Amino acid sequence: MPKTTFLQRLEFLARELEMPAEEVIKLAVEAGVNSMYRQCMGEKYIAGQLSRDKALQLLGPQEVARLECIAELRCHLAEDEIDLICGHA
């Protein structure tokens, strides 16, 4: 649990960014929604519910490449775990 309150963090950001608290909240909500959207779209792509072309359009090539690396790593880890369980080391 944070040792500072929401209001303290908001006031800190407003001072540091030299903008009204309302603007900080607006930016924070926008950043949060964007982050959640990208996460949801990334999960859909990994699950095969979103085409690669659409993922490239929505997320960009760098994020798609990152997601593909993660998916490949998951496959390798799963294969390693299966080998350990089945005694194929």
PDB file of N, CA and C in Angstrom:
ATOM      1  N   MET A   1       0.840  -1.180   0.000  1.00  0.00           N
ATOM      2  CA  MET A   1       0.000   0.000   0.000  1.00  0.00           C
ATOM      3  C   MET A   1       0.893   1.253   0.000  1.00  0.00           C
ATOM      4  N   PRO A   2       0.614   2.206  -0.880  1.00  0.00           N
ATOM      5  CA  PRO A   2       1.435   3.421  -0.932  1.00  0.00           C
ATOM      6  C   PRO A   2       1.379   4.190   0.392  1.00  0.00           C
ATOM      7  N   LYS A   3       2.498   4.815   0.709  1.00  0.00           N
ATOM      8  CA  LYS A   3       2.557   5.614   1.935  1.00  0.00           C
ATOM      9  C   LYS A   3       2.008   7.016   1.726  1.00  0.00           C
ATOM     10  N   THR A   4       1.760   7.363   0.481  1.00  0.00           N
ATOM     11  CA  THR A   4       1.172   8.666   0.181  1.00  0.00           C
ATOM     12  C   THR A   4      -0.267   8.457  -0.284  1.00  0.00           C
ATOM     13  N   THR A   5      -1.064   9.448  -0.073  1.00  0.00           N
ATOM     14  CA  THR A   5      -2.457   9.364  -0.505  1.00  0.00           C
ATOM     15  C   THR A   5      -2.554   9.747  -1.978  1.00  0.00           C
ATOM     16  N   PHE A   6      -3.692   9.437  -2.562  1.00  0.00           N
ATOM     17  CA  PHE A   6      -3.942   9.822  -3.951  1.00  0.00           C
ATOM     18  C   PHE A   6      -3.803  11.330  -4.107  1.00  0.00           C
ATOM     19  N   LEU A   7      -4.379  12.078  -3.178  1.00  0.00           N
ATOM     20  CA  LEU A   7      -4.336  13.539  -3.249  1.00  0.00           C
ATOM     21  C   LEU A   7      -2.900  14.048  -3.164  1.00  0.00           C
ATOM     22  N   GLN A   8      -2.088  13.454  -2.319  1.00  0.00           N
ATOM     23  CA  GLN A   8      -0.687  13.867  -2.217  1.00  0.00           C
ATOM     24  C   GLN A   8       0.056  13.607  -3.527  1.00  0.00           C
ATOM     25  N   ARG A   9      -0.191  12.450  -4.105  1.00  0.00           N
ATOM     26  CA  ARG A   9       0.475  12.145  -5.383  1.00  0.00           C
ATOM     27  C   ARG A   9      -0.004  13.076  -6.484  1.00  0.00           C
ATOM     28  N   LEU A  10      -1.298  13.368  -6.503  1.00  0.00           N
ATOM     29  CA  LEU A  10      -1.862  14.286  -7.495  1.00  0.00           C
ATOM     30  C   LEU A  10      -1.260  15.684  -7.344  1.00  0.00           C
ATOM     31  N   GLU A  11      -1.212  16.174  -6.120  1.00  0.00           N
ATOM     32  CA  GLU A  11      -0.634  17.506  -5.875  1.00  0.00           C
ATOM     33  C   GLU A  11       0.839  17.548  -6.264  1.00  0.00           C
ATOM     34  N   PHE A  12       1.564  16.471  -5.965  1.00  0.00           N
ATOM     35  CA  PHE A  12       2.974  16.394  -6.345  1.00  0.00           C
ATOM     36  C   PHE A  12       3.124  16.498  -7.864  1.00  0.00           C
ATOM     37  N   LEU A  13       2.335  15.707  -8.597  1.00  0.00           N
ATOM     38  CA  LEU A  13       2.422  15.735 -10.055  1.00  0.00           C
ATOM     39  C   LEU A  13       2.033  17.100 -10.618  1.00  0.00           C
ATOM     40  N   ALA A  14       1.014  17.696 -10.061  1.00  0.00           N
ATOM     41  CA  ALA A  14       0.591  19.023 -10.524  1.00  0.00           C
ATOM     42  C   ALA A  14       1.730  20.034 -10.352  1.00  0.00           C
ATOM     43  N   ARG A  15       2.404  19.980  -9.203  1.00  0.00           N
ATOM     44  CA  ARG A  15       3.541  20.901  -8.966  1.00  0.00           C
ATOM     45  C   ARG A  15       4.687  20.600  -9.925  1.00  0.00           C
ATOM     46  N   GLU A  16       5.053  19.317 -10.030  1.00  0.00           N
ATOM     47  CA  GLU A  16       6.190  18.932 -10.864  1.00  0.00           C
ATOM     48  C   GLU A  16       5.957  19.239 -12.339  1.00  0.00           C
ATOM     49  N   LEU A  17       4.732  19.012 -12.786  1.00  0.00           N
ATOM     50  CA  LEU A  17       4.416  19.231 -14.198  1.00  0.00           C
ATOM     51  C   LEU A  17       3.939  20.648 -14.481  1.00  0.00           C
ATOM     52  N   GLU A  18       3.797  21.406 -13.406  1.00  0.00           N
ATOM     53  CA  GLU A  18       3.347  22.800 -13.504  1.00  0.00           C
ATOM     54  C   GLU A  18       2.055  22.907 -14.298  1.00  0.00           C
ATOM     55  N   MET A  19       1.044  22.149 -13.853  1.00  0.00           N
ATOM     56  CA  MET A  19      -0.267  22.189 -14.493  1.00  0.00           C
ATOM     57  C   MET A  19      -1.338  21.964 -13.438  1.00  0.00           C
ATOM     58  N   PRO A  20      -2.549  22.379 -13.725  1.00  0.00           N
ATOM     59  CA  PRO A  20      -3.632  22.177 -12.770  1.00  0.00           C
ATOM     60  C   PRO A  20      -3.889  20.680 -12.534  1.00  0.00           C
ATOM     61  N   ALA A  21      -4.354  20.366 -11.342  1.00  0.00           N
ATOM     62  CA  ALA A  21      -4.649  18.982 -10.992  1.00  0.00           C
ATOM     63  C   ALA A  21      -5.648  18.360 -11.967  1.00  0.00           C
ATOM     64  N   GLU A  22      -6.593  19.155 -12.442  1.00  0.00           N
ATOM     65  CA  GLU A  22      -7.586  18.643 -13.387  1.00  0.00           C
ATOM     66  C   GLU A  22      -6.928  18.135 -14.658  1.00  0.00           C
ATOM     67  N   GLU A  23      -5.899  18.841 -15.119  1.00  0.00           N
ATOM     68  CA  GLU A  23      -5.178  18.430 -16.328  1.00  0.00           C
ATOM     69  C   GLU A  23      -4.375  17.156 -16.058  1.00  0.00           C
ATOM     70  N   VAL A  24      -3.794  17.046 -14.870  1.00  0.00           N
ATOM     71  CA  VAL A  24      -3.066  15.827 -14.499  1.00  0.00           C
ATOM     72  C   VAL A  24      -4.019  14.640 -14.516  1.00  0.00           C
ATOM     73  N   ILE A  25      -5.212  14.819 -13.960  1.00  0.00           N
ATOM     74  CA  ILE A  25      -6.208  13.739 -13.940  1.00  0.00           C
ATOM     75  C   ILE A  25      -6.603  13.360 -15.358  1.00  0.00           C
ATOM     76  N   LYS A  26      -6.819  14.350 -16.204  1.00  0.00           N
ATOM     77  CA  LYS A  26      -7.191  14.083 -17.601  1.00  0.00           C
ATOM     78  C   LYS A  26      -6.106  13.268 -18.291  1.00  0.00           C
ATOM     79  N   LEU A  27      -4.853  13.662 -18.119  1.00  0.00           N
ATOM     80  CA  LEU A  27      -3.744  12.945 -18.738  1.00  0.00           C
ATOM     81  C   LEU A  27      -3.611  11.535 -18.169  1.00  0.00           C
ATOM     82  N   ALA A  28      -3.809  11.401 -16.861  1.00  0.00           N
ATOM     83  CA  ALA A  28      -3.698  10.091 -16.221  1.00  0.00           C
ATOM     84  C   ALA A  28      -4.787   9.139 -16.712  1.00  0.00           C
ATOM     85  N   VAL A  29      -6.003   9.632 -16.841  1.00  0.00           N
ATOM     86  CA  VAL A  29      -7.095   8.791 -17.336  1.00  0.00           C
ATOM     87  C   VAL A  29      -6.814   8.376 -18.772  1.00  0.00           C
ATOM     88  N   GLU A  30      -6.383   9.309 -19.589  1.00  0.00           N
ATOM     89  CA  GLU A  30      -6.064   8.998 -20.987  1.00  0.00           C
ATOM     90  C   GLU A  30      -4.950   7.960 -21.071  1.00  0.00           C
ATOM     91  N   ALA A  31      -3.903   8.138 -20.284  1.00  0.00           N
ATOM     92  CA  ALA A  31      -2.789   7.183 -20.288  1.00  0.00           C
ATOM     93  C   ALA A  31      -3.260   5.806 -19.815  1.00  0.00           C
ATOM     94  N   GLY A  32      -4.096   5.773 -18.800  1.00  0.00           N
ATOM     95  CA  GLY A  32      -4.608   4.502 -18.292  1.00  0.00           C
ATOM     96  C   GLY A  32      -5.473   3.780 -19.301  1.00  0.00           C
ATOM     97  N   VAL A  33      -6.361   4.514 -19.949  1.00  0.00           N
ATOM     98  CA  VAL A  33      -7.229   3.907 -20.969  1.00  0.00           C
ATOM     99  C   VAL A  33      -6.380   3.406 -22.137  1.00  0.00           C
ATOM    100  N   ASN A  34      -5.410   4.184 -22.579  1.00  0.00           N
ATOM    101  CA  ASN A  34      -4.533   3.757 -23.671  1.00  0.00           C
ATOM    102  C   ASN A  34      -3.770   2.488 -23.298  1.00  0.00           C
ATOM    103  N   SER A  35      -3.263   2.439 -22.080  1.00  0.00           N
ATOM    104  CA  SER A  35      -2.529   1.268 -21.614  1.00  0.00           C
ATOM    105  C   SER A  35      -3.430   0.036 -21.558  1.00  0.00           C
ATOM    106  N   MET A  36      -4.616   0.192 -21.024  1.00  0.00           N
ATOM    107  CA  MET A  36      -5.558  -0.924 -20.941  1.00  0.00           C
ATOM    108  C   MET A  36      -5.970  -1.402 -22.328  1.00  0.00           C
ATOM    109  N   TYR A  37      -6.172  -0.483 -23.254  1.00  0.00           N
ATOM    110  CA  TYR A  37      -6.552  -0.818 -24.630  1.00  0.00           C
ATOM    111  C   TYR A  37      -5.445  -1.640 -25.299  1.00  0.00           C
ATOM    112  N   ARG A  38      -4.210  -1.154 -25.168  1.00  0.00           N
ATOM    113  CA  ARG A  38      -3.080  -1.850 -25.786  1.00  0.00           C
ATOM    114  C   ARG A  38      -2.914  -3.246 -25.182  1.00  0.00           C
ATOM    115  N   GLN A  39      -3.095  -3.354 -23.882  1.00  0.00           N
ATOM    116  CA  GLN A  39      -2.990  -4.654 -23.223  1.00  0.00           C
ATOM    117  C   GLN A  39      -4.073  -5.599 -23.737  1.00  0.00           C
ATOM    118  N   CYS A  40      -5.288  -5.121 -23.835  1.00  0.00           N
ATOM    119  CA  CYS A  40      -6.402  -5.934 -24.320  1.00  0.00           C
ATOM    120  C   CYS A  40      -6.172  -6.374 -25.762  1.00  0.00           C
ATOM    121  N   MET A  41      -5.752  -5.461 -26.616  1.00  0.00           N
ATOM    122  CA  MET A  41      -5.492  -5.798 -28.010  1.00  0.00           C
ATOM    123  C   MET A  41      -4.326  -6.782 -28.123  1.00  0.00           C
ATOM    124  N   GLY A  42      -3.307  -6.599 -27.292  1.00  0.00           N
ATOM    125  CA  GLY A  42      -2.171  -7.529 -27.282  1.00  0.00           C
ATOM    126  C   GLY A  42      -2.598  -8.926 -26.876  1.00  0.00           C
ATOM    127  N   GLU A  43      -3.444  -9.014 -25.867  1.00  0.00           N
ATOM    128  CA  GLU A  43      -3.952 -10.315 -25.422  1.00  0.00           C
ATOM    129  C   GLU A  43      -4.782 -10.976 -26.523  1.00  0.00           C
ATOM    130  N   LYS A  44      -5.594 -10.178 -27.224  1.00  0.00           N
ATOM    131  CA  LYS A  44      -6.395 -10.721 -28.330  1.00  0.00           C
ATOM    132  C   LYS A  44      -5.485 -11.240 -29.447  1.00  0.00           C
ATOM    133  N   TYR A  45      -4.403 -10.520 -29.739  1.00  0.00           N
ATOM    134  CA  TYR A  45      -3.477 -10.951 -30.779  1.00  0.00           C
ATOM    135  C   TYR A  45      -2.809 -12.271 -30.388  1.00  0.00           C
ATOM    136  N   ILE A  46      -2.305 -12.345 -29.169  1.00  0.00           N
ATOM    137  CA  ILE A  46      -1.644 -13.564 -28.688  1.00  0.00           C
ATOM    138  C   ILE A  46      -2.615 -14.747 -28.707  1.00  0.00           C
ATOM    139  N   ALA A  47      -3.886 -14.496 -28.387  1.00  0.00           N
ATOM    140  CA  ALA A  47      -4.897 -15.559 -28.342  1.00  0.00           C
ATOM    141  C   ALA A  47      -5.402 -15.941 -29.734  1.00  0.00           C
ATOM    142  N   GLY A  48      -4.928 -15.238 -30.776  1.00  0.00           N
ATOM    143  CA  GLY A  48      -5.351 -15.549 -32.131  1.00  0.00           C
ATOM    144  C   GLY A  48      -6.707 -14.954 -32.502  1.00  0.00           C
ATOM    145  N   GLN A  49      -7.172 -14.000 -31.719  1.00  0.00           N
ATOM    146  CA  GLN A  49      -8.462 -13.369 -31.974  1.00  0.00           C
ATOM    147  C   GLN A  49      -8.329 -12.072 -32.770  1.00  0.00           C
ATOM    148  N   LEU A  50      -7.094 -11.727 -33.109  1.00  0.00           N
ATOM    149  CA  LEU A  50      -6.812 -10.504 -33.859  1.00  0.00           C
ATOM    150  C   LEU A  50      -5.732 -10.841 -34.875  1.00  0.00           C
ATOM    151  N   SER A  51      -5.963 -10.506 -36.127  1.00  0.00           N
ATOM    152  CA  SER A  51      -4.984 -10.827 -37.168  1.00  0.00           C
ATOM    153  C   SER A  51      -3.697 -10.028 -36.962  1.00  0.00           C
ATOM    154  N   ARG A  52      -2.627 -10.538 -37.543  1.00  0.00           N
ATOM    155  CA  ARG A  52      -1.343  -9.843 -37.441  1.00  0.00           C
ATOM    156  C   ARG A  52      -1.424  -8.475 -38.109  1.00  0.00           C
ATOM    157  N   ASP A  53      -2.085  -8.414 -39.268  1.00  0.00           N
ATOM    158  CA  ASP A  53      -2.222  -7.132 -39.966  1.00  0.00           C
ATOM    159  C   ASP A  53      -2.963  -6.111 -39.114  1.00  0.00           C
ATOM    160  N   LYS A  54      -4.042  -6.549 -38.485  1.00  0.00           N
ATOM    161  CA  LYS A  54      -4.815  -5.636 -37.634  1.00  0.00           C
ATOM    162  C   LYS A  54      -3.999  -5.239 -36.413  1.00  0.00           C
ATOM    163  N   ALA A  55      -3.256  -6.185 -35.835  1.00  0.00           N
ATOM    164  CA  ALA A  55      -2.398  -5.877 -34.683  1.00  0.00           C
ATOM    165  C   ALA A  55      -1.327  -4.860 -35.072  1.00  0.00           C
ATOM    166  N   LEU A  56      -0.748  -5.034 -36.247  1.00  0.00           N
ATOM    167  CA  LEU A  56       0.256  -4.064 -36.719  1.00  0.00           C
ATOM    168  C   LEU A  56      -0.362  -2.680 -36.849  1.00  0.00           C
ATOM    169  N   GLN A  57      -1.574  -2.637 -37.359  1.00  0.00           N
ATOM    170  CA  GLN A  57      -2.268  -1.364 -37.539  1.00  0.00           C
ATOM    171  C   GLN A  57      -2.592  -0.714 -36.187  1.00  0.00           C
ATOM    172  N   LEU A  58      -3.058  -1.509 -35.226  1.00  0.00           N
ATOM    173  CA  LEU A  58      -3.503  -0.964 -33.938  1.00  0.00           C
ATOM    174  C   LEU A  58      -2.376  -0.750 -32.945  1.00  0.00           C
ATOM    175  N   LEU A  59      -1.368  -1.628 -32.979  1.00  0.00           N
ATOM    176  CA  LEU A  59      -0.323  -1.601 -31.956  1.00  0.00           C
ATOM    177  C   LEU A  59       1.035  -1.142 -32.468  1.00  0.00           C
ATOM    178  N   GLY A  60       1.259  -1.286 -33.759  1.00  0.00           N
ATOM    179  CA  GLY A  60       2.549  -0.913 -34.331  1.00  0.00           C
ATOM    180  C   GLY A  60       3.497  -2.092 -34.382  1.00  0.00           C
ATOM    181  N   PRO A  61       4.485  -2.023 -35.285  1.00  0.00           N
ATOM    182  CA  PRO A  61       5.392  -3.155 -35.499  1.00  0.00           C
ATOM    183  C   PRO A  61       6.251  -3.516 -34.286  1.00  0.00           C
ATOM    184  N   GLN A  62       6.668  -2.537 -33.523  1.00  0.00           N
ATOM    185  CA  GLN A  62       7.524  -2.824 -32.368  1.00  0.00           C
ATOM    186  C   GLN A  62       6.764  -3.628 -31.313  1.00  0.00           C
ATOM    187  N   GLU A  63       5.519  -3.245 -31.043  1.00  0.00           N
ATOM    188  CA  GLU A  63       4.724  -3.957 -30.038  1.00  0.00           C
ATOM    189  C   GLU A  63       4.370  -5.356 -30.525  1.00  0.00           C
ATOM    190  N   VAL A  64       4.045  -5.504 -31.802  1.00  0.00           N
ATOM    191  CA  VAL A  64       3.740  -6.830 -32.348  1.00  0.00           C
ATOM    192  C   VAL A  64       4.973  -7.727 -32.244  1.00  0.00           C
ATOM    193  N   ALA A  65       6.136  -7.210 -32.570  1.00  0.00           N
ATOM    194  CA  ALA A  65       7.373  -7.992 -32.450  1.00  0.00           C
ATOM    195  C   ALA A  65       7.615  -8.399 -30.998  1.00  0.00           C
ATOM    196  N   ARG A  66       7.365  -7.493 -30.061  1.00  0.00           N
ATOM    197  CA  ARG A  66       7.528  -7.802 -28.633  1.00  0.00           C
ATOM    198  C   ARG A  66       6.574  -8.913 -28.218  1.00  0.00           C
ATOM    199  N   LEU A  67       5.328  -8.826 -28.653  1.00  0.00           N
ATOM    200  CA  LEU A  67       4.334  -9.844 -28.313  1.00  0.00           C
ATOM    201  C   LEU A  67       4.697 -11.195 -28.921  1.00  0.00           C
ATOM    202  N   GLU A  68       5.209 -11.184 -30.137  1.00  0.00           N
ATOM    203  CA  GLU A  68       5.616 -12.435 -30.773  1.00  0.00           C
ATOM    204  C   GLU A  68       6.788 -13.072 -30.033  1.00  0.00           C
ATOM    205  N   CYS A  69       7.708 -12.272 -29.544  1.00  0.00           N
ATOM    206  CA  CYS A  69       8.826 -12.786 -28.736  1.00  0.00           C
ATOM    207  C   CYS A  69       8.305 -13.432 -27.455  1.00  0.00           C
ATOM    208  N   ILE A  70       7.370 -12.763 -26.820  1.00  0.00           N
ATOM    209  CA  ILE A  70       6.787 -13.296 -25.587  1.00  0.00           C
ATOM    210  C   ILE A  70       6.092 -14.624 -25.865  1.00  0.00           C
ATOM    211  N   ALA A  71       5.314 -14.681 -26.942  1.00  0.00           N
ATOM    212  CA  ALA A  71       4.606 -15.912 -27.295  1.00  0.00           C
ATOM    213  C   ALA A  71       5.587 -17.044 -27.576  1.00  0.00           C
ATOM    214  N   GLU A  72       6.659 -16.750 -28.303  1.00  0.00           N
ATOM    215  CA  GLU A  72       7.664 -17.767 -28.615  1.00  0.00           C
ATOM    216  C   GLU A  72       8.354 -18.249 -27.346  1.00  0.00           C
ATOM    217  N   LEU A  73       8.679 -17.330 -26.461  1.00  0.00           N
ATOM    218  CA  LEU A  73       9.316 -17.698 -25.199  1.00  0.00           C
ATOM    219  C   LEU A  73       8.402 -18.589 -24.374  1.00  0.00           C
ATOM    220  N   ARG A  74       7.107 -18.257 -24.351  1.00  0.00           N
ATOM    221  CA  ARG A  74       6.146 -19.090 -23.628  1.00  0.00           C
ATOM    222  C   ARG A  74       6.150 -20.516 -24.179  1.00  0.00           C
ATOM    223  N   CYS A  75       6.194 -20.648 -25.484  1.00  0.00           N
ATOM    224  CA  CYS A  75       6.215 -21.973 -26.104  1.00  0.00           C
ATOM    225  C   CYS A  75       7.456 -22.755 -25.687  1.00  0.00           C
ATOM    226  N   HIS A  76       8.611 -22.101 -25.717  1.00  0.00           N
ATOM    227  CA  HIS A  76       9.855 -22.766 -25.325  1.00  0.00           C
ATOM    228  C   HIS A  76       9.815 -23.166 -23.860  1.00  0.00           C
ATOM    229  N   LEU A  77       9.296 -22.298 -23.007  1.00  0.00           N
ATOM    230  CA  LEU A  77       9.200 -22.625 -21.585  1.00  0.00           C
ATOM    231  C   LEU A  77       8.250 -23.792 -21.354  1.00  0.00           C
ATOM    232  N   ALA A  78       7.144 -23.802 -22.082  1.00  0.00           N
ATOM    233  CA  ALA A  78       6.187 -24.905 -21.956  1.00  0.00           C
ATOM    234  C   ALA A  78       6.823 -26.214 -22.412  1.00  0.00           C
ATOM    235  N   GLU A  79       7.555 -26.180 -23.519  1.00  0.00           N
ATOM    236  CA  GLU A  79       8.230 -27.387 -24.008  1.00  0.00           C
ATOM    237  C   GLU A  79       9.251 -27.881 -22.986  1.00  0.00           C
ATOM    238  N   ASP A  80      10.013 -26.959 -22.390  1.00  0.00           N
ATOM    239  CA  ASP A  80      10.999 -27.340 -21.376  1.00  0.00           C
ATOM    240  C   ASP A  80      10.321 -27.974 -20.169  1.00  0.00           C
ATOM    241  N   GLU A  81       9.193 -27.408 -19.767  1.00  0.00           N
ATOM    242  CA  GLU A  81       8.473 -27.943 -18.613  1.00  0.00           C
ATOM    243  C   GLU A  81       7.930 -29.335 -18.916  1.00  0.00           C
ATOM    244  N   ILE A  82       7.405 -29.531 -20.116  1.00  0.00           N
ATOM    245  CA  ILE A  82       6.900 -30.844 -20.509  1.00  0.00           C
ATOM    246  C   ILE A  82       8.045 -31.866 -20.509  1.00  0.00           C
ATOM    247  N   ASP A  83       9.196 -31.459 -21.026  1.00  0.00           N
ATOM    248  CA  ASP A  83      10.365 -32.368 -21.022  1.00  0.00           C
ATOM    249  C   ASP A  83      10.746 -32.741 -19.599  1.00  0.00           C
ATOM    250  N   LEU A  84      10.715 -31.798 -18.683  1.00  0.00           N
ATOM    251  CA  LEU A  84      11.061 -32.093 -17.297  1.00  0.00           C
ATOM    252  C   LEU A  84      10.052 -33.042 -16.673  1.00  0.00           C
ATOM    253  N   ILE A  85       8.789 -32.805 -16.919  1.00  0.00           N
ATOM    254  CA  ILE A  85       7.733 -33.642 -16.350  1.00  0.00           C
ATOM    255  C   ILE A  85       7.808 -35.066 -16.904  1.00  0.00           C
ATOM    256  N   CYS A  86       8.042 -35.154 -18.197  1.00  0.00           N
ATOM    257  CA  CYS A  86       8.064 -36.468 -18.852  1.00  0.00           C
ATOM    258  C   CYS A  86       9.422 -37.148 -18.777  1.00  0.00           C
ATOM    259  N   GLY A  87      10.393 -36.468 -18.229  1.00  0.00           N
ATOM    260  CA  GLY A  87      11.728 -37.075 -18.084  1.00  0.00           C
ATOM    261  C   GLY A  87      12.545 -37.107 -19.360  1.00  0.00           C
ATOM    262  N   HIS A  88      12.295 -36.138 -20.255  1.00  0.00           N
ATOM    263  CA  HIS A  88      13.051 -36.049 -21.519  1.00  0.00           C
ATOM    264  C   HIS A  88      14.102 -34.950 -21.457  1.00  0.00           C
ATOM    265  N   ALA A  89      14.863 -34.905 -20.424  1.00  0.00           N
ATOM    266  CA  ALA A  89      15.842 -33.832 -20.253  1.00  0.00           C
ATOM    267  C   ALA A  89      17.039 -34.001 -21.129  1.00  0.00           C
TER     268      ALA A  89
END
